[in-house]
C-alpha atoms as a PDB file:
ATOM      1  CA  MET A   1       0.000   0.000   0.000  1.00  0.00           C
ATOM      2  CA  PRO A   2       1.491   3.346  -0.981  1.00  0.00           C
ATOM      3  CA  ALA A   3       1.862   5.891   1.803  1.00  0.00           C
ATOM      4  CA  ILE A   4       1.184   9.573   1.181  1.00  0.00           C
ATOM      5  CA  VAL A   5       4.069  11.880   2.149  1.00  0.00           C
ATOM      6  CA  ASN A   6       4.749  15.628   2.301  1.00  0.00           C
ATOM      7  CA  ALA A   7       6.387  17.119  -0.781  1.00  0.00           C
ATOM      8  CA  ALA A   8       6.056  20.811   0.213  1.00  0.00           C
ATOM      9  CA  ASN A   9       4.209  22.866   2.871  1.00  0.00           C
ATOM     10  CA  CYS A  10       1.875  20.020   3.834  1.00  0.00           C
ATOM     11  CA  SER A  11       1.118  17.806   6.818  1.00  0.00           C
ATOM     12  CA  VAL A  12       0.052  14.216   6.252  1.00  0.00           C
ATOM     13  CA  ALA A  13      -1.719  12.165   8.928  1.00  0.00           C
ATOM     14  CA  PRO A  14      -2.851   8.531   8.662  1.00  0.00           C
ATOM     15  CA  LEU A  15      -6.581   7.750   8.816  1.00  0.00           C
ATOM     16  CA  PRO A  16      -8.273   4.469   9.725  1.00  0.00           C
ATOM     17  CA  GLY A  17      -8.675   2.094   6.788  1.00  0.00           C
ATOM     18  CA  GLY A  18      -5.488   3.090   4.979  1.00  0.00           C
ATOM     19  CA  GLY A  19      -6.366   6.677   4.092  1.00  0.00           C
ATOM     20  CA  TRP A  20      -4.465   9.920   4.678  1.00  0.00           C
ATOM     21  CA  LEU A  21      -5.475  13.451   5.661  1.00  0.00           C
ATOM     22  CA  LEU A  22      -3.587  16.215   3.813  1.00  0.00           C
ATOM     23  CA  THR A  23      -3.512  19.744   5.198  1.00  0.00           C
ATOM     24  CA  LYS A  24      -1.588  22.756   3.878  1.00  0.00           C
ATOM     25  CA  THR A  25       0.731  24.126   6.575  1.00  0.00           C
ATOM     26  CA  GLY A  26       2.678  26.902   4.845  1.00  0.00           C
ATOM     27  CA  GLY A  27       3.194  28.963   1.737  1.00  0.00           C
ATOM     28  CA  ASP A  28       0.931  31.550   0.134  1.00  0.00           C
ATOM     29  CA  PRO A  29      -2.744  31.113   1.175  1.00  0.00           C
ATOM     30  CA  ALA A  30      -3.863  32.011  -2.373  1.00  0.00           C
ATOM     31  CA  ALA A  31      -1.430  29.811  -4.331  1.00  0.00           C
ATOM     32  CA  ALA A  32      -1.133  26.104  -5.137  1.00  0.00           C
ATOM     33  CA  ASP A  33       2.254  25.859  -3.412  1.00  0.00           C
ATOM     34  CA  ALA A  34       1.721  22.871  -1.112  1.00  0.00           C
ATOM     35  CA  SER A  35       1.869  19.245  -2.176  1.00  0.00           C
ATOM     36  CA  ALA A  36       1.764  15.668  -0.980  1.00  0.00           C
ATOM     37  CA  VAL A  37       2.601  12.629  -3.111  1.00  0.00           C
ATOM     38  CA  SER A  38       2.579   8.858  -2.755  1.00  0.00           C
ATOM     39  CA  ASP A  39       5.840   7.152  -1.834  1.00  0.00           C
ATOM     40  CA  GLN A  40       5.143   4.397  -4.378  1.00  0.00           C
ATOM     41  CA  GLY A  41       3.569   4.224  -7.785  1.00  0.00           C
ATOM     42  CA  ILE A  42       1.136   1.641  -9.078  1.00  0.00           C
ATOM     43  CA  ALA A  43       1.790   0.053 -12.482  1.00  0.00           C
ATOM     44  CA  GLY A  44      -1.527  -1.796 -12.766  1.00  0.00           C
ATOM     45  CA  ASP A  45      -5.118  -1.160 -11.824  1.00  0.00           C
ATOM     46  CA  PHE A  46      -5.740   1.312  -9.000  1.00  0.00           C
ATOM     47  CA  LEU A  47      -8.360   3.380  -7.217  1.00  0.00           C
ATOM     48  CA  LEU A  48      -7.893   6.884  -5.880  1.00  0.00           C
ATOM     49  CA  ARG A  49     -10.643   8.158  -3.573  1.00  0.00           C
ATOM     50  CA  LEU A  50     -10.712  11.774  -2.431  1.00  0.00           C
ATOM     51  CA  HIS A  51     -13.012  13.565  -0.028  1.00  0.00           C
ATOM     52  CA  ALA A  52     -12.652  17.218   0.969  1.00  0.00           C
ATOM     53  CA  THR A  53     -13.069  18.260   4.583  1.00  0.00           C
ATOM     54  CA  GLY A  54     -14.549  21.726   4.442  1.00  0.00           C
ATOM     55  CA  ASP A  55     -14.052  24.147   1.571  1.00  0.00           C
ATOM     56  CA  PHE A  56     -10.948  22.532   0.042  1.00  0.00           C
ATOM     57  CA  ALA A  57      -9.297  24.229  -2.933  1.00  0.00           C
ATOM     58  CA  GLY A  58      -6.606  22.514  -4.942  1.00  0.00           C
ATOM     59  CA  TYR A  59      -5.696  19.882  -7.493  1.00  0.00           C
ATOM     60  CA  PHE A  60      -5.185  16.156  -7.097  1.00  0.00           C
ATOM     61  CA  GLY A  61      -4.633  13.201  -9.374  1.00  0.00           C
ATOM     62  CA  VAL A  62      -1.908  10.926 -10.709  1.00  0.00           C
ATOM     63  CA  SER A  63       1.508  11.590 -12.260  1.00  0.00           C
ATOM     64  CA  ALA A  64       4.326   9.620 -13.820  1.00  0.00           C
ATOM     65  CA  ASP A  65       6.749  11.993 -12.035  1.00  0.00           C
ATOM     66  CA  PRO A  66       5.207  13.328  -8.798  1.00  0.00           C
ATOM     67  CA  LEU A  67       8.416  15.130  -7.843  1.00  0.00           C
ATOM     68  CA  GLY A  68       8.533  16.993 -11.171  1.00  0.00           C
ATOM     69  CA  GLY A  69       7.157  20.113  -9.457  1.00  0.00           C
ATOM     70  CA  ILE A  70       4.369  21.267  -7.160  1.00  0.00           C
ATOM     71  CA  ALA A  71       2.386  23.233  -9.759  1.00  0.00           C
ATOM     72  CA  PHE A  72      -0.939  21.770 -10.862  1.00  0.00           C
ATOM     73  CA  SER A  73       0.309  21.702 -14.467  1.00  0.00           C
ATOM     74  CA  THR A  74       2.819  18.965 -13.518  1.00  0.00           C
ATOM     75  CA  ILE A  75       0.025  16.546 -12.555  1.00  0.00           C
ATOM     76  CA  ASP A  76      -0.575  14.300 -15.588  1.00  0.00           C
ATOM     77  CA  ARG A  77      -4.258  13.569 -14.850  1.00  0.00           C
ATOM     78  CA  ALA A  78      -5.832  15.937 -12.328  1.00  0.00           C
ATOM     79  CA  VAL A  79      -9.087  17.148 -10.857  1.00  0.00           C
ATOM     80  CA  GLN A  80      -9.408  20.693  -9.543  1.00  0.00           C
ATOM     81  CA  LEU A  81     -11.749  21.124  -6.582  1.00  0.00           C
ATOM     82  CA  SER A  82     -12.744  24.684  -5.738  1.00  0.00           C
ATOM     83  CA  ALA A  83     -15.928  25.994  -4.087  1.00  0.00           C
ATOM     84  CA  GLY A  84     -17.508  22.539  -4.348  1.00  0.00           C
ATOM     85  CA  THR A  85     -17.049  22.312  -8.130  1.00  0.00           C
ATOM     86  CA  CYS A  86     -14.664  19.990  -9.994  1.00  0.00           C
ATOM     87  CA  ARG A  87     -12.847  20.337 -13.308  1.00  0.00           C
ATOM     88  CA  CYS A  88     -10.633  17.753 -15.035  1.00  0.00           C
ATOM     89  CA  TYR A  89      -7.152  18.654 -16.311  1.00  0.00           C
ATOM     90  CA  ASP A  90      -4.495  16.905 -18.422  1.00  0.00           C
ATOM     91  CA  ARG A  91      -1.048  18.416 -17.692  1.00  0.00           C
ATOM     92  CA  GLY A  92      -2.618  21.793 -16.936  1.00  0.00           C
ATOM     93  CA  LEU A  93      -5.161  21.840 -19.785  1.00  0.00           C
ATOM     94  CA  PHE A  94      -8.869  21.912 -18.861  1.00  0.00           C
ATOM     95  CA  ARG A  95     -10.923  18.974 -20.147  1.00  0.00           C
ATOM     96  CA  PRO A  96     -14.739  19.195 -19.816  1.00  0.00           C
ATOM     97  CA  PRO A  97     -17.054  18.614 -18.082  1.00  0.00           C
ATOM     98  CA  VAL A  98     -17.446  20.661 -14.903  1.00  0.00           C
ATOM     99  CA  PHE A  99     -19.243  18.716 -12.146  1.00  0.00           C
ATOM    100  CA  THR A 100     -20.284  18.865  -8.499  1.00  0.00           C
ATOM    101  CA  PRO A 101     -19.227  15.694  -6.667  1.00  0.00           C
ATOM    102  CA  ALA A 102     -22.202  13.802  -5.212  1.00  0.00           C
ATOM    103  CA  GLY A 103     -21.541  12.845  -1.605  1.00  0.00           C
ATOM    104  CA  GLY A 104     -18.326  14.870  -1.721  1.00  0.00           C
ATOM    105  CA  CYS A 105     -16.207  11.988  -3.092  1.00  0.00           C
ATOM    106  CA  VAL A 106     -14.217  11.958  -6.319  1.00  0.00           C
ATOM    107  CA  TRP A 107     -12.733   8.717  -7.655  1.00  0.00           C
ATOM    108  CA  LEU A 108     -10.062   7.981 -10.246  1.00  0.00           C
ATOM    109  CA  ARG A 109     -10.095   4.346 -11.346  1.00  0.00           C
ATOM    110  CA  ARG A 110      -7.623   2.747 -13.722  1.00  0.00           C
ATOM    111  CA  THR A 111      -8.652  -0.566 -15.216  1.00  0.00           C
ATOM    112  CA  GLY A 112      -6.212  -1.839 -17.814  1.00  0.00           C
ATOM    113  CA  ALA A 113      -5.251   1.266 -19.809  1.00  0.00           C
ATOM    114  CA  THR A 114      -8.487   3.188 -19.132  1.00  0.00           C
ATOM    115  CA  LEU A 115      -8.668   5.926 -16.514  1.00  0.00           C
ATOM    116  CA  ASP A 116     -12.177   6.823 -15.324  1.00  0.00           C
ATOM    117  CA  TYR A 117     -13.134   9.951 -13.387  1.00  0.00           C
ATOM    118  CA  LEU A 118     -16.187   9.315 -11.190  1.00  0.00           C
ATOM    119  CA  HIS A 119     -18.026  10.914  -8.292  1.00  0.00           C
ATOM    120  CA  GLY A 120     -20.299   9.596  -5.558  1.00  0.00           C
ATOM    121  CA  PRO A 121     -20.108   8.494  -1.928  1.00  0.00           C
ATOM    122  CA  VAL A 122     -19.395   4.843  -2.856  1.00  0.00           C
ATOM    123  CA  LEU A 123     -17.712   3.497  -5.975  1.00  0.00           C
ATOM    124  CA  ALA A 124     -20.481   0.987  -6.774  1.00  0.00           C
ATOM    125  CA  ALA A 125     -22.995   3.832  -7.234  1.00  0.00           C
ATOM    126  CA  ALA A 126     -20.586   6.499  -8.557  1.00  0.00           C
ATOM    127  CA  SER A 127     -21.376   8.429 -11.736  1.00  0.00           C
ATOM    128  CA  LEU A 128     -18.880   8.405 -14.591  1.00  0.00           C
ATOM    129  CA  VAL A 129     -17.733  11.914 -15.566  1.00  0.00           C
ATOM    130  CA  ARG A 130     -14.919  11.251 -18.014  1.00  0.00           C
ATOM    131  CA  SER A 131     -12.968   8.305 -19.399  1.00  0.00           C
ATOM    132  CA  VAL A 132      -9.491   8.420 -20.966  1.00  0.00           C
ATOM    133  CA  ALA A 133      -7.878   5.593 -22.959  1.00  0.00           C
ATOM    134  CA  SER A 134      -4.190   4.685 -23.225  1.00  0.00           C
ATOM    135  CA  VAL A 135      -3.240   5.659 -19.661  1.00  0.00           C
ATOM    136  CA  THR A 136      -0.352   3.266 -19.039  1.00  0.00           C
ATOM    137  CA  GLY A 137       2.804   3.028 -16.961  1.00  0.00           C
ATOM    138  CA  THR A 138       3.450   3.494 -13.281  1.00  0.00           C
ATOM    139  CA  LEU A 139       1.502   6.376 -11.735  1.00  0.00           C
ATOM    140  CA  TRP A 140       1.805   8.047  -8.317  1.00  0.00           C
ATOM    141  CA  PHE A 141      -0.672  10.147  -6.357  1.00  0.00           C
ATOM    142  CA  ASP A 142       0.124  13.849  -6.759  1.00  0.00           C
ATOM    143  CA  SER A 143      -1.416  17.116  -5.524  1.00  0.00           C
ATOM    144  CA  ALA A 144      -1.161  20.902  -5.576  1.00  0.00           C
ATOM    145  CA  ILE A 145      -3.009  22.419  -2.601  1.00  0.00           C
ATOM    146  CA  VAL A 146      -4.262  26.011  -2.361  1.00  0.00           C
ATOM    147  CA  SER A 147      -6.432  26.211   0.781  1.00  0.00           C
ATOM    148  CA  ALA A 148      -5.036  26.002   4.280  1.00  0.00           C
ATOM    149  CA  THR A 149      -8.446  26.101   5.975  1.00  0.00           C
ATOM    150  CA  SER A 150      -9.530  22.545   5.153  1.00  0.00           C
ATOM    151  CA  GLY A 151      -8.052  19.183   4.297  1.00  0.00           C
ATOM    152  CA  LEU A 152      -8.278  16.383   1.794  1.00  0.00           C
ATOM    153  CA  GLU A 153      -8.842  12.736   2.708  1.00  0.00           C
ATOM    154  CA  VAL A 154      -6.984  10.486   0.260  1.00  0.00           C
ATOM    155  CA  LYS A 155      -6.799   6.747  -0.317  1.00  0.00           C
ATOM    156  CA  PHE A 156      -4.652   5.434  -3.197  1.00  0.00           C
ATOM    157  CA  ASP A 157      -4.257   1.693  -3.626  1.00  0.00           C
ATOM    158  CA  ALA A 158      -5.012  -1.418  -5.663  1.00  0.00           C
ATOM    159  CA  PRO A 159      -8.752  -2.174  -5.995  1.00  0.00           C
ATOM    160  CA  ALA A 160      -8.398  -5.230  -3.713  1.00  0.00           C
ATOM    161  CA  ALA A 161      -7.470  -2.963  -0.765  1.00  0.00           C
ATOM    162  CA  PHE A 162     -10.794  -1.145  -1.121  1.00  0.00           C
ATOM    163  CA  ALA A 163     -12.734  -4.416  -1.482  1.00  0.00           C
ATOM    164  CA  ALA A 164     -11.023  -5.942   1.577  1.00  0.00           C
ATOM    165  CA  ARG A 165     -12.110  -2.980   3.700  1.00  0.00           C
ATOM    166  CA  GLN A 166     -15.731  -3.361   2.528  1.00  0.00           C
ATOM    167  CA  ARG A 167     -15.710  -7.115   3.291  1.00  0.00           C
ATOM    168  CA  ARG A 168     -14.399  -6.500   6.824  1.00  0.00           C
ATOM    169  CA  ARG A 169     -17.089  -3.889   7.442  1.00  0.00           C
ATOM    170  CA  ARG A 170     -19.860  -6.256   6.314  1.00  0.00           C
ATOM    171  CA  LEU A 171     -18.472  -9.048   8.458  1.00  0.00           C
ATOM    172  CA  ALA A 172     -18.420  -6.781  11.523  1.00  0.00           C
ATOM    173  CA  LEU A 173     -22.023  -5.744  10.915  1.00  0.00           C
ATOM    174  CA  THR A 174     -23.128  -9.352  10.502  1.00  0.00           C
ATOM    175  CA  LEU A 175     -21.462 -10.431  13.744  1.00  0.00           C
ATOM    176  CA  GLY A 176     -22.983  -7.497  15.627  1.00  0.00           C
ATOM    177  CA  ILE A 177     -26.577  -8.565  14.873  1.00  0.00           C
END
C-alpha cells in the first residue's frame, strides 16, 4: 500500500482504513504551493478516492513523475476542486465537463489502460464523468493544494485494498446482529 508523504508545505496524517489526511501548513494562502505525493507508484489497476473536509481548494490526481514540481500543471491527470465544483485537467489543460461531486467523493479508477473519473459516496454507485484511454505506466498520487483552511482525505491503492475494507465492514455488521 502506498503511503502519502509531504512534498512541500503540507502535513500528512494517517486515517483508519489506509487513508491519509492532507492539510496545507505553509506557503501563500492564495497559491497552489503545497503538495503531498505517494511514496510508491502503481503500475496496474488502482483506485484513488478523495473527499474534501470543508471548503478545500486545490488539485489532485496521478503523475508519472510526482516530484517533477508542485504546480498543478505537472500533474498528468488531475481534478481541480474549488468551491464545491470539480474540473478535469491533463497536464494543466482543462478537459470538460465541470461537475459537483455527489456525496463529496471523487474517484479515479484505472482498469487496464483506461482511466475513469467518477463521483459519488461509494464506488459501486458512482457516476462516470470522463474516461481516458491509453493511460499506461506506473503512476503516483500527486497534488497541488491552495487552501489552508480545510483538508483532503486520500486513499490510493489497488482495488483489492478497497474491497477488503468493505468485506471487513460487512463481516463486523453481521457479527454485531
